[in-house]
Amino acid sequence: MVVPGRSELVSSPDSWPERFWPGLLNVRIPPDGYPIGFQDPDAGGAGVVQLDDGDPSPALVLEWNRIENNGLKPKPGKPKRGTGHFWPAVLIVVSTG
């Protein structure tokens, strides 16, 4: 999937990159790494799944058709399917801090 860069969007956060690098970033969130108010799903909470409800509000929301090569399209009962929700985050490499 290709996410549009800063100059391709009318209103993007100041920190939005001009270009996203291709590839995947898989992140394991430790139990204490979820946002305040979110419980680790392994402990019975909803985890990041509840972020789809917009609480807290994302920094940017992209409709499914703004994400190039997005195979996830809305369907009956899932009107937000394929929509991109983006929040700022801090990533730390455990081995180096």
N, C-alpha and C. Protein backbone atom coordinates (compact mmCIF):
# COMPACT_ATOMS: atom_id res chain seq x y z
N MET A 1 0.85 -1.18 0.00
CA MET A 1 0.00 0.00 0.00
C MET A 1 0.89 1.24 0.00
N VAL A 2 0.42 2.28 -0.62
CA VAL A 2 1.17 3.53 -0.69
C VAL A 2 0.35 4.63 -0.04
N VAL A 3 0.91 5.22 1.01
CA VAL A 3 0.26 6.31 1.74
C VAL A 3 0.78 7.63 1.17
N PRO A 4 -0.13 8.57 0.85
CA PRO A 4 0.32 9.83 0.26
C PRO A 4 1.18 10.66 1.21
N GLY A 5 2.13 11.37 0.63
CA GLY A 5 3.02 12.24 1.39
C GLY A 5 2.39 13.59 1.66
N ARG A 6 3.11 14.41 2.40
CA ARG A 6 2.63 15.72 2.87
C ARG A 6 2.10 16.61 1.73
N SER A 7 2.81 16.73 0.62
CA SER A 7 2.37 17.63 -0.44
C SER A 7 1.16 17.11 -1.20
N GLU A 8 0.81 15.84 -1.02
CA GLU A 8 -0.35 15.27 -1.70
C GLU A 8 -1.63 15.41 -0.87
N LEU A 9 -1.51 15.94 0.33
CA LEU A 9 -2.67 16.06 1.23
C LEU A 9 -2.98 17.52 1.52
N VAL A 10 -4.24 17.84 1.62
CA VAL A 10 -4.65 19.21 1.91
C VAL A 10 -4.29 19.58 3.34
N SER A 11 -4.60 18.71 4.28
CA SER A 11 -4.30 19.01 5.69
C SER A 11 -3.65 17.80 6.33
N SER A 12 -2.37 17.89 6.51
CA SER A 12 -1.64 16.82 7.17
C SER A 12 -0.89 17.42 8.36
N PRO A 13 -0.59 16.60 9.37
CA PRO A 13 0.19 17.12 10.50
C PRO A 13 1.55 17.63 10.02
N ASP A 14 2.11 18.59 10.74
CA ASP A 14 3.42 19.15 10.38
C ASP A 14 4.50 18.08 10.32
N SER A 15 4.35 17.05 11.13
CA SER A 15 5.37 16.00 11.17
C SER A 15 5.17 14.93 10.09
N TRP A 16 4.13 15.07 9.27
CA TRP A 16 3.85 14.08 8.23
C TRP A 16 4.98 14.09 7.21
N PRO A 17 5.55 12.93 6.89
CA PRO A 17 6.68 12.90 5.96
C PRO A 17 6.25 13.20 4.52
N GLU A 18 7.17 13.68 3.74
CA GLU A 18 6.92 13.92 2.32
C GLU A 18 6.83 12.61 1.57
N ARG A 19 7.55 11.62 2.06
CA ARG A 19 7.54 10.32 1.40
C ARG A 19 7.64 9.21 2.44
N PHE A 20 6.83 8.19 2.27
CA PHE A 20 6.92 7.02 3.13
C PHE A 20 7.79 5.99 2.43
N TRP A 21 8.63 5.32 3.18
CA TRP A 21 9.49 4.29 2.59
C TRP A 21 8.72 2.99 2.47
N PRO A 22 8.93 2.28 1.37
CA PRO A 22 8.20 1.02 1.18
C PRO A 22 8.64 -0.04 2.18
N GLY A 23 7.74 -0.95 2.48
CA GLY A 23 8.06 -2.06 3.37
C GLY A 23 7.09 -2.11 4.53
N LEU A 24 7.36 -3.00 5.43
CA LEU A 24 6.50 -3.20 6.59
C LEU A 24 7.27 -2.93 7.87
N LEU A 25 6.55 -2.50 8.87
CA LEU A 25 7.11 -2.35 10.19
C LEU A 25 6.15 -3.06 11.14
N ASN A 26 6.58 -4.19 11.63
CA ASN A 26 5.78 -4.93 12.60
C ASN A 26 6.27 -4.57 13.98
N VAL A 27 5.36 -4.16 14.82
CA VAL A 27 5.71 -3.67 16.15
C VAL A 27 4.99 -4.51 17.20
N ARG A 28 5.74 -5.01 18.16
CA ARG A 28 5.14 -5.69 19.31
C ARG A 28 5.03 -4.67 20.43
N ILE A 29 3.81 -4.47 20.90
CA ILE A 29 3.58 -3.49 21.96
C ILE A 29 3.60 -4.22 23.29
N PRO A 30 4.51 -3.85 24.19
CA PRO A 30 4.54 -4.51 25.50
C PRO A 30 3.30 -4.15 26.29
N PRO A 31 2.95 -4.96 27.30
CA PRO A 31 1.72 -4.71 28.08
C PRO A 31 1.61 -3.29 28.61
N ASP A 32 2.73 -2.66 28.98
CA ASP A 32 2.67 -1.30 29.52
C ASP A 32 2.86 -0.25 28.43
N GLY A 33 2.86 -0.66 27.16
CA GLY A 33 3.10 0.27 26.06
C GLY A 33 1.86 0.82 25.39
N TYR A 34 0.68 0.34 25.79
CA TYR A 34 -0.54 0.84 25.19
C TYR A 34 -0.83 2.24 25.72
N PRO A 35 -1.56 3.06 24.94
CA PRO A 35 -1.92 4.40 25.44
C PRO A 35 -2.69 4.30 26.75
N ILE A 36 -2.61 5.35 27.54
CA ILE A 36 -3.33 5.39 28.82
C ILE A 36 -4.81 5.13 28.55
N GLY A 37 -5.40 4.25 29.33
CA GLY A 37 -6.80 3.92 29.16
C GLY A 37 -7.04 2.69 28.31
N PHE A 38 -5.98 2.13 27.75
CA PHE A 38 -6.10 0.92 26.94
C PHE A 38 -5.45 -0.22 27.69
N GLN A 39 -6.12 -1.33 27.71
CA GLN A 39 -5.58 -2.48 28.42
C GLN A 39 -5.07 -3.49 27.40
N ASP A 40 -4.00 -4.15 27.73
CA ASP A 40 -3.43 -5.19 26.89
C ASP A 40 -4.50 -6.23 26.54
N PRO A 41 -4.70 -6.53 25.26
CA PRO A 41 -5.74 -7.50 24.90
C PRO A 41 -5.51 -8.88 25.53
N ASP A 42 -4.27 -9.23 25.82
CA ASP A 42 -4.00 -10.51 26.47
C ASP A 42 -4.54 -10.54 27.89
N ALA A 43 -4.79 -9.35 28.44
CA ALA A 43 -5.35 -9.26 29.80
C ALA A 43 -6.86 -9.01 29.76
N GLY A 44 -7.46 -9.15 28.58
CA GLY A 44 -8.91 -9.00 28.46
C GLY A 44 -9.37 -7.65 27.97
N GLY A 45 -8.44 -6.73 27.65
CA GLY A 45 -8.83 -5.41 27.15
C GLY A 45 -8.97 -5.40 25.64
N ALA A 46 -9.34 -4.26 25.12
CA ALA A 46 -9.54 -4.13 23.67
C ALA A 46 -8.24 -3.77 22.96
N GLY A 47 -7.25 -3.27 23.71
CA GLY A 47 -5.99 -2.88 23.07
C GLY A 47 -6.21 -1.82 22.01
N VAL A 48 -5.42 -1.88 20.95
CA VAL A 48 -5.50 -0.85 19.92
C VAL A 48 -6.72 -0.99 19.04
N VAL A 49 -7.47 -2.08 19.15
CA VAL A 49 -8.68 -2.26 18.34
C VAL A 49 -9.65 -1.11 18.56
N GLN A 50 -9.75 -0.62 19.80
CA GLN A 50 -10.70 0.45 20.07
C GLN A 50 -10.26 1.78 19.47
N LEU A 51 -9.02 1.88 18.99
CA LEU A 51 -8.60 3.10 18.31
C LEU A 51 -9.42 3.34 17.04
N ASP A 52 -9.96 2.29 16.45
CA ASP A 52 -10.79 2.43 15.26
C ASP A 52 -12.04 3.26 15.54
N ASP A 53 -12.42 3.36 16.80
CA ASP A 53 -13.60 4.16 17.16
C ASP A 53 -13.27 5.65 17.26
N GLY A 54 -11.99 6.01 17.09
CA GLY A 54 -11.60 7.42 17.09
C GLY A 54 -11.39 8.04 18.45
N ASP A 55 -11.11 7.22 19.46
CA ASP A 55 -10.86 7.74 20.80
C ASP A 55 -9.60 7.11 21.35
N PRO A 56 -8.51 7.81 21.41
CA PRO A 56 -8.35 9.23 21.12
C PRO A 56 -8.39 9.50 19.61
N SER A 57 -8.64 10.76 19.28
CA SER A 57 -8.73 11.13 17.87
C SER A 57 -7.39 10.96 17.18
N PRO A 58 -7.40 10.39 15.98
CA PRO A 58 -6.16 10.24 15.23
C PRO A 58 -5.67 11.59 14.71
N ALA A 59 -4.38 11.67 14.44
CA ALA A 59 -3.81 12.90 13.87
C ALA A 59 -4.27 13.09 12.43
N LEU A 60 -4.55 11.98 11.76
CA LEU A 60 -4.99 12.03 10.37
C LEU A 60 -5.79 10.78 10.05
N VAL A 61 -6.84 10.94 9.26
CA VAL A 61 -7.63 9.81 8.77
C VAL A 61 -7.64 9.88 7.26
N LEU A 62 -7.30 8.77 6.61
CA LEU A 62 -7.34 8.70 5.15
C LEU A 62 -8.41 7.71 4.73
N GLU A 63 -9.29 8.14 3.86
CA GLU A 63 -10.29 7.24 3.32
C GLU A 63 -9.60 6.13 2.53
N TRP A 64 -10.23 5.01 2.43
CA TRP A 64 -9.63 3.83 1.81
C TRP A 64 -9.10 4.11 0.41
N ASN A 65 -9.80 4.95 -0.35
CA ASN A 65 -9.39 5.19 -1.73
C ASN A 65 -8.24 6.19 -1.86
N ARG A 66 -7.79 6.78 -0.76
CA ARG A 66 -6.61 7.66 -0.79
C ARG A 66 -5.33 6.88 -0.57
N ILE A 67 -5.46 5.61 -0.21
CA ILE A 67 -4.31 4.75 0.02
C ILE A 67 -4.15 3.86 -1.21
N GLU A 68 -3.12 4.15 -1.99
CA GLU A 68 -2.91 3.42 -3.24
C GLU A 68 -2.68 1.93 -3.01
N ASN A 69 -3.26 1.12 -3.85
CA ASN A 69 -3.11 -0.33 -3.79
C ASN A 69 -3.72 -0.93 -2.52
N ASN A 70 -4.72 -0.27 -1.98
CA ASN A 70 -5.40 -0.74 -0.77
C ASN A 70 -6.47 -1.75 -1.17
N GLY A 71 -6.26 -2.99 -0.83
CA GLY A 71 -7.22 -4.04 -1.15
C GLY A 71 -8.39 -4.12 -0.19
N LEU A 72 -8.33 -3.36 0.90
CA LEU A 72 -9.43 -3.36 1.87
C LEU A 72 -10.40 -2.25 1.51
N LYS A 73 -11.60 -2.63 1.11
CA LYS A 73 -12.62 -1.66 0.73
C LYS A 73 -13.80 -1.78 1.68
N PRO A 74 -14.53 -0.67 1.89
CA PRO A 74 -15.72 -0.76 2.73
C PRO A 74 -16.70 -1.79 2.19
N LYS A 75 -17.45 -2.39 3.10
CA LYS A 75 -18.48 -3.34 2.70
C LYS A 75 -19.63 -3.24 3.69
N PRO A 76 -20.78 -3.81 3.34
CA PRO A 76 -21.92 -3.72 4.26
C PRO A 76 -21.56 -4.21 5.66
N GLY A 77 -21.89 -3.41 6.64
CA GLY A 77 -21.59 -3.74 8.03
C GLY A 77 -20.21 -3.30 8.47
N LYS A 78 -19.35 -2.91 7.52
CA LYS A 78 -18.00 -2.44 7.84
C LYS A 78 -17.68 -1.20 6.99
N PRO A 79 -18.37 -0.09 7.26
CA PRO A 79 -18.19 1.11 6.43
C PRO A 79 -16.82 1.76 6.54
N LYS A 80 -16.08 1.50 7.62
CA LYS A 80 -14.75 2.10 7.81
C LYS A 80 -13.63 1.17 7.35
N ARG A 81 -13.97 0.01 6.82
CA ARG A 81 -12.96 -0.97 6.41
C ARG A 81 -12.02 -0.33 5.39
N GLY A 82 -10.73 -0.49 5.61
CA GLY A 82 -9.72 0.04 4.70
C GLY A 82 -9.29 1.46 4.99
N THR A 83 -10.01 2.14 5.90
CA THR A 83 -9.66 3.51 6.25
C THR A 83 -8.36 3.51 7.05
N GLY A 84 -7.49 4.45 6.75
CA GLY A 84 -6.22 4.57 7.48
C GLY A 84 -6.33 5.57 8.60
N HIS A 85 -6.02 5.14 9.82
CA HIS A 85 -6.02 6.02 11.00
C HIS A 85 -4.57 6.13 11.45
N PHE A 86 -4.11 7.35 11.70
CA PHE A 86 -2.70 7.57 12.05
C PHE A 86 -2.58 8.38 13.33
N TRP A 87 -1.74 7.89 14.24
CA TRP A 87 -1.45 8.56 15.51
C TRP A 87 0.06 8.71 15.63
N PRO A 88 0.51 9.78 16.28
CA PRO A 88 1.95 9.88 16.53
C PRO A 88 2.37 8.82 17.54
N ALA A 89 3.60 8.39 17.44
CA ALA A 89 4.10 7.37 18.36
C ALA A 89 5.59 7.58 18.59
N VAL A 90 6.07 7.03 19.68
CA VAL A 90 7.49 7.01 19.97
C VAL A 90 7.93 5.56 19.93
N LEU A 91 8.89 5.24 19.08
CA LEU A 91 9.40 3.88 18.97
C LEU A 91 10.79 3.83 19.59
N ILE A 92 11.02 2.83 20.41
CA ILE A 92 12.31 2.66 21.07
C ILE A 92 12.82 1.27 20.79
N VAL A 93 14.07 1.17 20.37
CA VAL A 93 14.70 -0.14 20.20
C VAL A 93 15.19 -0.58 21.56
N VAL A 94 14.63 -1.66 22.08
CA VAL A 94 14.91 -2.10 23.44
C VAL A 94 16.40 -2.33 23.65
N SER A 95 17.07 -2.92 22.68
CA SER A 95 18.49 -3.27 22.87
C SER A 95 19.40 -2.03 22.96
N THR A 96 18.97 -0.90 22.37
CA THR A 96 19.83 0.28 22.38
C THR A 96 19.22 1.47 23.09
N GLY A 97 17.90 1.35 23.40
CA GLY A 97 17.22 2.47 24.03
C GLY A 97 16.84 3.55 23.03
